[in-house]
Each structure stands twice: as C-alpha cells, then as structure tokens.
Amino acid sequence: MNNIIRNFITLASLGLAATALQAQPALKVVVVDMAKLYDTHFKTEEANAKFQEADRKATEQIEELNKQGQTMVDEYKELTDKAKSTLLNAEARTQAEQDAQRKLQQIQEKQNEVNTFRARTQQSLQQRIKTHRDLLLEEISKVVTDIAKRKGATLVIDKSGPSLFGISNVIYADPSYEITDEVQKEVNKDRPASAPVAPTTSPASAPAASPGNAQFNVPNVTTPPASKAKP
C-alpha cells in the first residue's frame, strides 16, 4: 500500500512539473547592438557637439593661463638678471632679488591655478558625459523592450559588448533575430531637421580639457607640485 501511495505522489509531482513547463512561454531571442544605437542617436550627436565646444573653450582658457604664466617667467628672468647686475648698487640689487622671489611665488600659484582648473574642468565634463550616457541608454532600453515585447521575444541579447576574451558576446545570430535597425528608426523618429551630423568621436570617449598641465617653468628652479583639485 505504501509503495502505491509513493508511486502515486511521484507521478503527480511529475505531472505538475510537466504542466508548469508547458505553461512557460517558448524561448524567443532577439539581438540588438546597444553601442550602435547610442552612437547614432540624434541626442548623442547633439551632446557631442556641446561637449566638444566645452572642451574647446577649456582649451582656450588653459592656453591663456599658460601665456600669463610665461609672461611671469619672463619677468622673473629680468628681475634675476637685475639682481646680478654689477651696474646697479647693492640696494637696487637687493630690491630686484626680493621682487624676483615674489614673482616666483606668483608663478607657482599660477601653475597651481592652471593644473587645478584643468582637473576640475575634466572632471566636470566627464560627469556630464556619464550622465548623458546613463540617461540615454535607459531611454533606448525602454524602446528595445517595447519592440521586443511586440515581437513576442522572451530574451534580448546585446551583441555590442566584448566578452572576457575580448570578442563579441554573440558569435553568430540569424539576421531575422536582429532588431537594431528597427529600434534605431524608432529612437530617431523625432530627430530635428537641423540635427548635426554624427561626429567620429562618441561622448563616452570625447576629450575632456585635453591640454596638459601648466606649460611654463622657471629655469634652474624646482617648483612645488600643483595642488590637486577638490572634488
């Protein structure tokens, strides 16, 4: 009797499991290239233009600060030459030496100003790029989800990202599973007629205050390292 009951319970369990499997929807996969959708989105093109303009302005400001610093270096050199001149009396040479020391301090402050400005500008621009990327990818993902559901898909795979081996996550996919072009058309349906042409550099890798640190130095003088920008 016990064996009969156990067999009945086993069969009932198998039946319930089979019913549950039958209730699950059949697997249907679609493939999408999120990187392509991001790079070709008109909002990315607009953002690129703004980021590159901000970078250009930052470059000009840094170049101007470097010019100011170089002028100070030239003035410092004149003062040090005065301090060594035998044509001046002792009092005049002492005054020139003191003025040179004050000028050196101003040069060091200008170097810190340039480096701090560059670091803060770069940090700000990178944060703007990240915010744009996160918000736009969220927006694109919603469109991808809507289209995938309309097609009855149960799984969406992004083929843009590399695997641990540095290759695409999708080795092969039948073109009939690809929805990238359909999503691209949907996300760009509101593209303004005056939208700029997509640049070759995407916001994710756009330059951020590309010039280097302060580009002026005092000959034969070691200046202290520039202070780091506060977050």
Protein backbone atom coordinates (compact mmCIF):
# COMPACT_ATOMS: atom_id res chain seq x y z
CA MET A 1 0.00 0.00 0.00
CA ASN A 2 2.80 2.43 0.92
CA ASN A 3 4.55 1.73 -2.40
CA ILE A 4 1.35 2.52 -4.28
CA ILE A 5 0.95 5.82 -2.44
CA ARG A 6 4.58 6.80 -3.08
CA ASN A 7 4.26 5.95 -6.77
CA PHE A 8 1.08 8.00 -7.00
CA ILE A 9 2.78 11.00 -5.35
CA THR A 10 5.75 10.68 -7.71
CA LEU A 11 3.54 10.58 -10.78
CA ALA A 12 1.53 13.53 -9.50
CA SER A 13 4.71 15.54 -8.96
CA LEU A 14 5.96 14.76 -12.45
CA GLY A 15 2.61 15.75 -13.85
CA LEU A 16 2.68 19.10 -12.04
CA ALA A 17 6.23 19.75 -13.26
CA ALA A 18 5.25 18.96 -16.83
CA THR A 19 2.25 21.26 -16.57
CA ALA A 20 4.47 24.08 -15.23
CA LEU A 21 6.91 23.64 -18.10
CA GLN A 22 4.09 23.70 -20.62
CA ALA A 23 2.80 26.92 -19.04
CA GLN A 24 6.11 28.71 -19.60
CA PRO A 25 6.33 30.68 -22.88
CA ALA A 26 8.59 29.31 -25.58
CA LEU A 27 12.02 30.90 -25.68
CA LYS A 28 12.33 33.57 -28.36
CA VAL A 29 15.54 35.57 -28.59
CA VAL A 30 16.21 38.89 -30.31
CA VAL A 31 19.60 40.57 -30.75
CA VAL A 32 20.42 44.28 -30.54
CA ASP A 33 23.55 46.44 -30.81
CA MET A 34 23.25 48.97 -27.98
CA ALA A 35 26.54 50.70 -28.84
CA LYS A 36 25.35 51.40 -32.38
CA LEU A 37 22.01 52.69 -31.10
CA TYR A 38 23.76 55.00 -28.65
CA ASP A 39 26.31 56.34 -31.13
CA THR A 40 23.76 57.00 -33.88
CA HIS A 41 21.08 58.56 -31.65
CA PHE A 42 20.46 62.19 -32.57
CA LYS A 43 20.67 63.18 -28.90
CA THR A 44 24.18 61.74 -28.77
CA GLU A 45 25.14 63.78 -31.82
CA GLU A 46 23.76 66.93 -30.19
CA ALA A 47 25.55 66.16 -26.93
CA ASN A 48 28.82 65.53 -28.78
CA ALA A 49 28.68 68.98 -30.29
CA LYS A 50 28.13 70.56 -26.86
CA PHE A 51 30.87 68.52 -25.18
CA GLN A 52 33.38 69.33 -27.89
CA GLU A 53 32.52 73.04 -27.69
CA ALA A 54 33.03 72.95 -23.90
CA ASP A 55 36.36 71.21 -24.44
CA ARG A 56 37.40 73.84 -27.00
CA LYS A 57 36.62 76.67 -24.60
CA ALA A 58 38.52 74.94 -21.78
CA THR A 59 41.49 74.53 -24.10
CA GLU A 60 41.46 78.24 -24.92
CA GLN A 61 41.30 79.17 -21.24
CA ILE A 62 44.20 76.90 -20.37
CA GLU A 63 46.26 78.32 -23.23
CA GLU A 64 45.55 81.85 -21.99
CA LEU A 65 46.58 80.92 -18.44
CA ASN A 66 49.77 79.39 -19.80
CA LYS A 67 50.53 82.62 -21.66
CA GLN A 68 50.07 84.59 -18.44
CA GLY A 69 52.40 82.18 -16.69
CA GLN A 70 55.04 82.50 -19.40
CA THR A 71 54.89 86.31 -19.11
CA MET A 72 55.57 85.94 -15.38
CA VAL A 73 58.54 83.69 -16.12
CA ASP A 74 59.99 86.31 -18.47
CA GLU A 75 59.55 88.99 -15.79
CA TYR A 76 61.21 86.70 -13.24
CA LYS A 77 64.21 86.26 -15.54
CA GLU A 78 64.58 90.05 -15.90
CA LEU A 79 64.47 90.51 -12.14
CA THR A 80 67.09 87.82 -11.51
CA ASP A 81 69.35 89.41 -14.12
CA LYS A 82 68.91 92.74 -12.33
CA ALA A 83 69.79 91.18 -9.00
CA LYS A 84 73.10 90.02 -10.50
CA SER A 85 73.91 93.20 -12.44
CA THR A 86 77.08 94.98 -11.41
CA LEU A 87 75.67 98.17 -12.91
CA LEU A 88 73.25 98.54 -10.00
CA ASN A 89 74.10 99.42 -6.45
CA ALA A 90 73.61 96.95 -3.60
CA GLU A 91 70.24 98.38 -2.58
CA ALA A 92 68.83 98.09 -6.11
CA ARG A 93 70.11 94.52 -6.46
CA THR A 94 68.54 93.55 -3.12
CA GLN A 95 65.22 95.05 -4.20
CA ALA A 96 65.37 93.16 -7.52
CA GLU A 97 66.11 89.92 -5.68
CA GLN A 98 63.11 90.43 -3.38
CA ASP A 99 60.87 91.24 -6.35
CA ALA A 100 62.12 88.08 -8.09
CA GLN A 101 61.16 85.95 -5.08
CA ARG A 102 57.66 87.44 -5.04
CA LYS A 103 57.37 86.83 -8.78
CA LEU A 104 58.45 83.22 -8.29
CA GLN A 105 55.69 82.74 -5.75
CA GLN A 106 53.17 84.18 -8.22
CA ILE A 107 54.44 81.76 -10.88
CA GLN A 108 53.94 78.82 -8.56
CA GLU A 109 50.42 79.99 -7.77
CA LYS A 110 49.67 80.34 -11.49
CA GLN A 111 50.93 76.80 -12.11
CA ASN A 112 48.58 75.51 -9.42
CA GLU A 113 45.75 77.55 -10.91
CA VAL A 114 46.25 76.02 -14.37
CA ASN A 115 46.50 72.46 -13.10
CA THR A 116 43.53 72.81 -10.77
CA PHE A 117 41.39 74.39 -13.50
CA ARG A 118 42.26 71.59 -15.90
CA ALA A 119 41.48 68.85 -13.36
CA ARG A 120 38.14 70.38 -12.37
CA THR A 121 37.13 71.03 -15.97
CA GLN A 122 37.99 67.48 -16.97
CA GLN A 123 36.08 66.05 -14.00
CA SER A 124 33.03 68.19 -14.77
CA LEU A 125 32.97 67.26 -18.44
CA GLN A 126 33.41 63.56 -17.73
CA GLN A 127 30.48 63.70 -15.29
CA ARG A 128 28.31 65.41 -17.92
CA ILE A 129 29.23 62.69 -20.41
CA LYS A 130 28.39 59.93 -17.93
CA THR A 131 25.04 61.48 -17.02
CA HIS A 132 24.11 61.83 -20.69
CA ARG A 133 25.15 58.24 -21.43
CA ASP A 134 23.24 56.74 -18.49
CA LEU A 135 20.02 58.62 -19.22
CA LEU A 136 20.09 57.95 -22.96
CA LEU A 137 20.85 54.24 -22.57
CA GLU A 138 17.91 53.98 -20.19
CA GLU A 139 15.70 55.66 -22.79
CA ILE A 140 16.96 53.37 -25.57
CA SER A 141 16.49 50.29 -23.39
CA LYS A 142 12.81 51.12 -22.95
CA VAL A 143 12.32 51.25 -26.72
CA VAL A 144 14.23 47.98 -27.13
CA THR A 145 11.97 46.37 -24.52
CA ASP A 146 8.78 47.64 -26.18
CA ILE A 147 9.80 46.36 -29.61
CA ALA A 148 10.97 43.03 -28.18
CA LYS A 149 7.61 42.54 -26.44
CA ARG A 150 5.71 43.40 -29.62
CA LYS A 151 7.65 40.66 -31.36
CA GLY A 152 6.89 38.21 -28.58
CA ALA A 153 10.53 37.95 -27.53
CA THR A 154 11.37 36.48 -24.13
CA LEU A 155 15.06 37.39 -24.14
CA VAL A 156 17.08 40.32 -25.54
CA ILE A 157 20.84 39.96 -26.05
CA ASP A 158 23.16 42.93 -26.57
CA LYS A 159 25.88 41.99 -29.04
CA SER A 160 27.92 45.19 -28.71
CA GLY A 161 29.89 44.41 -25.55
CA PRO A 162 33.05 42.28 -25.64
CA SER A 163 33.31 39.06 -23.68
CA LEU A 164 36.15 38.19 -21.28
CA PHE A 165 38.11 37.09 -24.36
CA GLY A 166 37.67 40.50 -25.96
CA ILE A 167 35.26 39.30 -28.65
CA SER A 168 31.56 39.91 -29.23
CA ASN A 169 29.16 38.24 -26.85
CA VAL A 170 27.27 36.97 -29.90
CA ILE A 171 29.35 34.87 -32.28
CA TYR A 172 26.52 34.41 -34.75
CA ALA A 173 22.87 35.40 -34.98
CA ASP A 174 20.45 34.94 -37.83
CA PRO A 175 19.58 38.37 -39.29
CA SER A 176 15.92 37.67 -38.64
CA TYR A 177 16.65 37.94 -34.90
CA GLU A 178 18.24 41.40 -35.28
CA ILE A 179 16.13 44.38 -34.16
CA THR A 180 18.82 47.09 -34.09
CA ASP A 181 17.70 48.85 -37.28
CA GLU A 182 14.07 48.81 -36.15
CA VAL A 183 14.99 50.32 -32.78
CA GLN A 184 17.27 52.86 -34.44
CA LYS A 185 14.41 54.05 -36.63
CA GLU A 186 12.12 54.32 -33.61
CA VAL A 187 14.51 56.26 -31.34
CA ASN A 188 15.38 58.72 -34.11
CA LYS A 189 11.83 59.36 -35.31
CA ASP A 190 11.81 62.77 -33.60
CA ARG A 191 15.20 63.80 -34.98
CA PRO A 192 15.21 67.57 -35.71
CA ALA A 193 15.85 68.55 -39.31
CA SER A 194 18.76 70.70 -38.13
CA ALA A 195 20.41 67.99 -36.03
CA PRO A 196 24.20 67.89 -36.53
CA VAL A 197 25.94 65.09 -38.38
CA ALA A 198 27.28 62.39 -36.08
CA PRO A 199 30.97 63.06 -35.26
CA THR A 200 33.53 60.28 -35.27
CA THR A 201 34.06 60.54 -31.51
CA SER A 202 31.29 59.43 -29.20
CA PRO A 203 30.63 61.21 -25.87
CA ALA A 204 31.90 58.22 -23.98
CA SER A 205 35.41 58.88 -25.29
CA ALA A 206 35.21 62.58 -26.08
CA PRO A 207 38.25 64.60 -24.92
CA ALA A 208 37.88 66.44 -21.65
CA ALA A 209 40.11 69.50 -21.32
CA SER A 210 42.79 67.84 -23.42
CA PRO A 211 45.74 70.24 -22.81
CA GLY A 212 48.30 69.13 -20.29
CA ASN A 213 49.27 70.80 -17.04
CA ALA A 214 50.91 74.19 -16.75
CA GLN A 215 53.31 74.60 -19.68
CA PHE A 216 55.68 77.19 -18.23
CA ASN A 217 58.63 76.54 -15.95
CA VAL A 218 61.24 78.65 -14.24
CA PRO A 219 64.80 77.80 -15.35
CA ASN A 220 67.02 76.30 -12.62
CA VAL A 221 64.19 76.43 -10.07
CA THR A 222 62.23 73.48 -8.76
CA THR A 223 58.63 74.50 -8.14
CA PRO A 224 56.40 72.64 -5.71
CA PRO A 225 53.86 70.16 -7.14
CA ALA A 226 50.47 71.53 -8.13
CA SER A 227 47.69 71.10 -5.62
CA LYS A 228 45.03 68.57 -6.55
CA ALA A 229 41.56 69.72 -7.41
CA LYS A 230 38.98 69.16 -4.72
CA PRO A 231 36.02 67.06 -5.82
